[in-house]
Amino acid sequence: MRATLPWLATCLLLPAVLLAACGDSGRSVTGVIIDVQADSLTEVDTFTVRDDEGERFVFHVAPDAARDPAEGFNPTHLRSHALVAERVKISYREEGQELLALKLDHP
């Protein structure tokens, strides 16, 4: 019984660890912002990033990231990156057909 307990715990935890590792939370794209669509001075509707291969990614901002000013998802900040063609790294998750931006970094 004593030898079975660690094995059983491993078998029960391994699927949860693998599921977390395979989730969408680790997705990112690096490139330049080429378009920002905003409904107001404070809210981004969508923004587009073009990666090094020329592929375009259209992002909506995840609600939790939109509420956090430290994430930098306001129209002025995004447009300043676009204006100087500064490379950014966008971490995101997929929900249905939408890409939801979670974090903006400088690579």
N, C-alpha and C. Protein backbone atom coordinates (compact mmCIF):
# COMPACT_ATOMS: atom_id res chain seq x y z
N MET A 1 0.83 -1.20 0.00
CA MET A 1 0.00 0.00 0.00
C MET A 1 0.87 1.26 0.00
N ARG A 2 1.95 1.25 0.77
CA ARG A 2 2.81 2.41 0.88
C ARG A 2 3.46 2.75 -0.47
N ALA A 3 3.87 1.76 -1.25
CA ALA A 3 4.50 1.99 -2.55
C ALA A 3 3.48 2.43 -3.59
N THR A 4 2.24 2.09 -3.39
CA THR A 4 1.19 2.42 -4.35
C THR A 4 0.77 3.89 -4.26
N LEU A 5 0.85 4.49 -3.10
CA LEU A 5 0.39 5.86 -2.90
C LEU A 5 1.13 6.88 -3.77
N PRO A 6 2.47 6.91 -3.82
CA PRO A 6 3.15 7.87 -4.69
C PRO A 6 2.82 7.66 -6.18
N TRP A 7 2.71 6.41 -6.58
CA TRP A 7 2.39 6.10 -7.97
C TRP A 7 0.98 6.61 -8.29
N LEU A 8 0.05 6.39 -7.40
CA LEU A 8 -1.32 6.84 -7.60
C LEU A 8 -1.40 8.37 -7.67
N ALA A 9 -0.66 9.04 -6.79
CA ALA A 9 -0.65 10.51 -6.80
C ALA A 9 -0.08 11.02 -8.12
N THR A 10 0.97 10.39 -8.61
CA THR A 10 1.56 10.78 -9.89
C THR A 10 0.57 10.59 -11.03
N CYS A 11 -0.12 9.48 -11.03
CA CYS A 11 -1.10 9.21 -12.09
C CYS A 11 -2.26 10.20 -12.08
N LEU A 12 -2.62 10.65 -10.91
CA LEU A 12 -3.73 11.60 -10.80
C LEU A 12 -3.31 13.02 -11.16
N LEU A 13 -2.08 13.41 -10.85
CA LEU A 13 -1.61 14.76 -11.10
C LEU A 13 -1.07 14.98 -12.51
N LEU A 14 -0.52 13.94 -13.11
CA LEU A 14 0.11 14.09 -14.42
C LEU A 14 -0.84 14.63 -15.48
N PRO A 15 -2.06 14.14 -15.61
CA PRO A 15 -2.96 14.71 -16.62
C PRO A 15 -3.23 16.21 -16.42
N ALA A 16 -3.36 16.64 -15.18
CA ALA A 16 -3.60 18.06 -14.91
C ALA A 16 -2.40 18.90 -15.31
N VAL A 17 -1.20 18.43 -15.03
CA VAL A 17 0.01 19.15 -15.40
C VAL A 17 0.14 19.22 -16.91
N LEU A 18 -0.11 18.12 -17.60
CA LEU A 18 -0.02 18.11 -19.05
C LEU A 18 -1.06 19.02 -19.69
N LEU A 19 -2.25 19.02 -19.16
CA LEU A 19 -3.30 19.88 -19.68
C LEU A 19 -2.93 21.35 -19.53
N ALA A 20 -2.39 21.73 -18.40
CA ALA A 20 -1.97 23.11 -18.18
C ALA A 20 -0.84 23.49 -19.12
N ALA A 21 0.08 22.59 -19.36
CA ALA A 21 1.22 22.87 -20.24
C ALA A 21 0.80 22.99 -21.69
N CYS A 22 -0.27 22.34 -22.08
CA CYS A 22 -0.71 22.36 -23.47
C CYS A 22 -1.76 23.42 -23.75
N GLY A 23 -2.12 24.22 -22.78
CA GLY A 23 -3.16 25.23 -22.96
C GLY A 23 -2.69 26.37 -23.83
N ASP A 24 -3.61 27.30 -24.14
CA ASP A 24 -3.33 28.44 -25.00
C ASP A 24 -2.55 29.54 -24.29
N SER A 25 -2.35 29.43 -22.99
CA SER A 25 -1.76 30.52 -22.25
C SER A 25 -0.32 30.82 -22.65
N GLY A 26 0.36 29.90 -23.31
CA GLY A 26 1.75 30.12 -23.68
C GLY A 26 1.93 30.68 -25.08
N ARG A 27 0.90 31.11 -25.74
CA ARG A 27 1.01 31.60 -27.11
C ARG A 27 1.49 33.04 -27.14
N SER A 28 2.32 33.33 -28.14
CA SER A 28 2.77 34.71 -28.31
C SER A 28 3.17 34.92 -29.77
N VAL A 29 3.21 36.18 -30.15
CA VAL A 29 3.67 36.57 -31.48
C VAL A 29 4.51 37.83 -31.31
N THR A 30 5.60 37.91 -32.08
CA THR A 30 6.47 39.08 -32.06
C THR A 30 6.45 39.73 -33.42
N GLY A 31 6.29 41.04 -33.44
CA GLY A 31 6.26 41.77 -34.69
C GLY A 31 6.02 43.24 -34.45
N VAL A 32 5.48 43.91 -35.45
CA VAL A 32 5.19 45.35 -35.33
C VAL A 32 3.69 45.57 -35.43
N ILE A 33 3.22 46.56 -34.68
CA ILE A 33 1.81 46.93 -34.74
C ILE A 33 1.62 47.77 -35.99
N ILE A 34 0.66 47.37 -36.82
CA ILE A 34 0.44 48.08 -38.08
C ILE A 34 -0.92 48.78 -38.14
N ASP A 35 -1.79 48.49 -37.16
CA ASP A 35 -3.10 49.13 -37.16
C ASP A 35 -3.68 49.09 -35.76
N VAL A 36 -4.34 50.18 -35.39
CA VAL A 36 -5.05 50.25 -34.10
C VAL A 36 -6.42 50.83 -34.37
N GLN A 37 -7.45 50.10 -34.01
CA GLN A 37 -8.83 50.57 -34.11
C GLN A 37 -9.33 50.80 -32.68
N ALA A 38 -9.81 52.02 -32.43
CA ALA A 38 -10.24 52.37 -31.08
C ALA A 38 -11.61 53.01 -31.11
N ASP A 39 -12.41 52.68 -30.10
CA ASP A 39 -13.73 53.28 -29.96
C ASP A 39 -13.67 54.62 -29.24
N SER A 40 -12.59 54.83 -28.49
CA SER A 40 -12.43 56.06 -27.72
C SER A 40 -10.94 56.28 -27.45
N LEU A 41 -10.63 57.28 -26.67
CA LEU A 41 -9.24 57.53 -26.31
C LEU A 41 -8.70 56.51 -25.31
N THR A 42 -9.58 55.75 -24.70
CA THR A 42 -9.14 54.82 -23.66
C THR A 42 -9.39 53.35 -23.97
N GLU A 43 -10.21 53.06 -24.97
CA GLU A 43 -10.57 51.67 -25.24
C GLU A 43 -10.20 51.24 -26.66
N VAL A 44 -9.44 50.16 -26.75
CA VAL A 44 -9.05 49.60 -28.04
C VAL A 44 -10.13 48.62 -28.49
N ASP A 45 -10.53 48.74 -29.76
CA ASP A 45 -11.43 47.75 -30.34
C ASP A 45 -10.59 46.55 -30.80
N THR A 46 -9.67 46.79 -31.75
CA THR A 46 -8.73 45.76 -32.20
C THR A 46 -7.41 46.43 -32.55
N PHE A 47 -6.35 45.60 -32.60
CA PHE A 47 -5.08 46.06 -33.16
C PHE A 47 -4.46 44.90 -33.91
N THR A 48 -3.65 45.24 -34.91
CA THR A 48 -3.08 44.25 -35.80
C THR A 48 -1.56 44.25 -35.68
N VAL A 49 -1.00 43.05 -35.58
CA VAL A 49 0.46 42.88 -35.52
C VAL A 49 0.88 42.07 -36.75
N ARG A 50 1.94 42.54 -37.42
CA ARG A 50 2.52 41.79 -38.53
C ARG A 50 3.83 41.18 -38.04
N ASP A 51 3.95 39.84 -38.14
CA ASP A 51 5.17 39.18 -37.67
C ASP A 51 6.26 39.22 -38.74
N ASP A 52 7.41 38.64 -38.45
CA ASP A 52 8.56 38.68 -39.36
C ASP A 52 8.30 37.98 -40.69
N GLU A 53 7.38 37.04 -40.71
CA GLU A 53 7.05 36.32 -41.95
C GLU A 53 5.96 37.02 -42.75
N GLY A 54 5.46 38.13 -42.23
CA GLY A 54 4.42 38.87 -42.93
C GLY A 54 3.00 38.48 -42.57
N GLU A 55 2.84 37.52 -41.68
CA GLU A 55 1.50 37.11 -41.26
C GLU A 55 0.91 38.17 -40.34
N ARG A 56 -0.37 38.42 -40.52
CA ARG A 56 -1.08 39.42 -39.71
C ARG A 56 -1.96 38.74 -38.66
N PHE A 57 -1.91 39.29 -37.47
CA PHE A 57 -2.70 38.80 -36.34
C PHE A 57 -3.55 39.96 -35.83
N VAL A 58 -4.86 39.78 -35.83
CA VAL A 58 -5.78 40.80 -35.34
C VAL A 58 -6.19 40.40 -33.93
N PHE A 59 -5.93 41.30 -32.99
CA PHE A 59 -6.19 41.04 -31.58
C PHE A 59 -7.31 41.91 -31.04
N HIS A 60 -8.09 41.32 -30.17
CA HIS A 60 -8.95 42.04 -29.24
C HIS A 60 -8.19 42.00 -27.92
N VAL A 61 -8.47 42.92 -27.04
CA VAL A 61 -7.81 42.92 -25.73
C VAL A 61 -8.68 42.12 -24.76
N ALA A 62 -8.04 41.17 -24.08
CA ALA A 62 -8.76 40.37 -23.07
C ALA A 62 -9.32 41.31 -22.01
N PRO A 63 -10.53 41.06 -21.53
CA PRO A 63 -11.13 41.96 -20.53
C PRO A 63 -10.26 42.18 -19.30
N ASP A 64 -9.61 41.13 -18.80
CA ASP A 64 -8.76 41.30 -17.62
C ASP A 64 -7.55 42.17 -17.93
N ALA A 65 -6.98 42.08 -19.12
CA ALA A 65 -5.84 42.91 -19.51
C ALA A 65 -6.28 44.35 -19.76
N ALA A 66 -7.48 44.54 -20.27
CA ALA A 66 -7.98 45.89 -20.54
C ALA A 66 -8.15 46.69 -19.25
N ARG A 67 -8.46 46.01 -18.17
CA ARG A 67 -8.66 46.69 -16.89
C ARG A 67 -7.36 47.04 -16.20
N ASP A 68 -6.23 46.45 -16.65
CA ASP A 68 -4.95 46.67 -16.00
C ASP A 68 -4.10 47.65 -16.81
N PRO A 69 -3.97 48.90 -16.34
CA PRO A 69 -3.21 49.88 -17.11
C PRO A 69 -1.74 49.51 -17.30
N ALA A 70 -1.21 48.66 -16.47
CA ALA A 70 0.19 48.24 -16.59
C ALA A 70 0.43 47.40 -17.84
N GLU A 71 -0.62 46.80 -18.39
CA GLU A 71 -0.46 45.97 -19.58
C GLU A 71 -0.26 46.80 -20.84
N GLY A 72 -0.63 48.07 -20.82
CA GLY A 72 -0.35 48.96 -21.94
C GLY A 72 -1.29 48.87 -23.12
N PHE A 73 -2.49 48.37 -22.91
CA PHE A 73 -3.42 48.23 -24.03
C PHE A 73 -4.37 49.41 -24.11
N ASN A 74 -3.80 50.61 -24.26
CA ASN A 74 -4.63 51.76 -24.56
C ASN A 74 -4.22 52.27 -25.95
N PRO A 75 -5.13 52.94 -26.64
CA PRO A 75 -4.85 53.33 -28.02
C PRO A 75 -3.58 54.17 -28.20
N THR A 76 -3.33 55.11 -27.31
CA THR A 76 -2.15 55.97 -27.43
C THR A 76 -0.87 55.16 -27.33
N HIS A 77 -0.80 54.26 -26.39
CA HIS A 77 0.40 53.45 -26.21
C HIS A 77 0.64 52.55 -27.42
N LEU A 78 -0.40 51.89 -27.90
CA LEU A 78 -0.26 51.02 -29.06
C LEU A 78 0.13 51.81 -30.31
N ARG A 79 -0.47 52.98 -30.49
CA ARG A 79 -0.13 53.80 -31.66
C ARG A 79 1.30 54.31 -31.60
N SER A 80 1.81 54.58 -30.40
CA SER A 80 3.20 55.03 -30.29
C SER A 80 4.16 53.93 -30.75
N HIS A 81 3.86 52.68 -30.44
CA HIS A 81 4.67 51.56 -30.94
C HIS A 81 4.56 51.46 -32.46
N ALA A 82 3.37 51.65 -32.98
CA ALA A 82 3.16 51.57 -34.43
C ALA A 82 3.90 52.69 -35.15
N LEU A 83 3.87 53.88 -34.59
CA LEU A 83 4.48 55.04 -35.24
C LEU A 83 5.97 54.86 -35.50
N VAL A 84 6.68 54.25 -34.56
CA VAL A 84 8.13 54.06 -34.72
C VAL A 84 8.47 52.64 -35.17
N ALA A 85 7.46 51.85 -35.48
CA ALA A 85 7.64 50.45 -35.93
C ALA A 85 8.48 49.66 -34.94
N GLU A 86 8.24 49.88 -33.66
CA GLU A 86 8.95 49.17 -32.61
C GLU A 86 8.39 47.76 -32.47
N ARG A 87 9.28 46.78 -32.43
CA ARG A 87 8.86 45.39 -32.27
C ARG A 87 8.28 45.18 -30.87
N VAL A 88 7.19 44.43 -30.83
CA VAL A 88 6.53 44.07 -29.57
C VAL A 88 6.26 42.57 -29.56
N LYS A 89 6.12 42.05 -28.38
CA LYS A 89 5.74 40.65 -28.20
C LYS A 89 4.38 40.65 -27.51
N ILE A 90 3.40 40.04 -28.15
CA ILE A 90 2.06 39.97 -27.60
C ILE A 90 1.79 38.54 -27.15
N SER A 91 1.52 38.38 -25.87
CA SER A 91 1.08 37.10 -25.33
C SER A 91 -0.44 37.08 -25.44
N TYR A 92 -0.99 35.95 -25.85
CA TYR A 92 -2.44 35.91 -26.09
C TYR A 92 -3.01 34.52 -25.85
N ARG A 93 -4.34 34.48 -25.85
CA ARG A 93 -5.06 33.21 -25.82
C ARG A 93 -6.13 33.27 -26.90
N GLU A 94 -6.56 32.11 -27.31
CA GLU A 94 -7.64 32.03 -28.31
C GLU A 94 -8.93 31.68 -27.60
N GLU A 95 -9.99 32.37 -27.99
CA GLU A 95 -11.34 32.04 -27.53
C GLU A 95 -12.22 32.03 -28.76
N GLY A 96 -12.59 30.83 -29.18
CA GLY A 96 -13.34 30.70 -30.41
C GLY A 96 -12.47 31.14 -31.57
N GLN A 97 -12.94 32.10 -32.34
CA GLN A 97 -12.19 32.61 -33.49
C GLN A 97 -11.39 33.87 -33.15
N GLU A 98 -11.48 34.35 -31.91
CA GLU A 98 -10.81 35.59 -31.52
C GLU A 98 -9.47 35.33 -30.84
N LEU A 99 -8.51 36.21 -31.11
CA LEU A 99 -7.25 36.23 -30.39
C LEU A 99 -7.36 37.33 -29.34
N LEU A 100 -7.18 36.97 -28.08
CA LEU A 100 -7.30 37.93 -26.99
C LEU A 100 -5.92 38.24 -26.42
N ALA A 101 -5.49 39.49 -26.57
CA ALA A 101 -4.19 39.93 -26.09
C ALA A 101 -4.20 39.98 -24.57
N LEU A 102 -3.15 39.42 -23.98
CA LEU A 102 -3.03 39.37 -22.53
C LEU A 102 -1.94 40.28 -21.98
N LYS A 103 -0.83 40.39 -22.74
CA LYS A 103 0.32 41.13 -22.25
C LYS A 103 1.14 41.65 -23.42
N LEU A 104 1.69 42.85 -23.28
CA LEU A 104 2.57 43.43 -24.28
C LEU A 104 3.96 43.57 -23.67
N ASP A 105 4.95 43.02 -24.35
CA ASP A 105 6.34 43.12 -23.90
C ASP A 105 7.20 43.65 -25.02
N HIS A 106 8.42 44.03 -24.66
CA HIS A 106 9.42 44.43 -25.64
C HIS A 106 10.44 43.31 -25.73
N PRO A 107 10.57 42.69 -26.90
CA PRO A 107 11.48 41.54 -27.02
C PRO A 107 12.96 41.91 -26.89
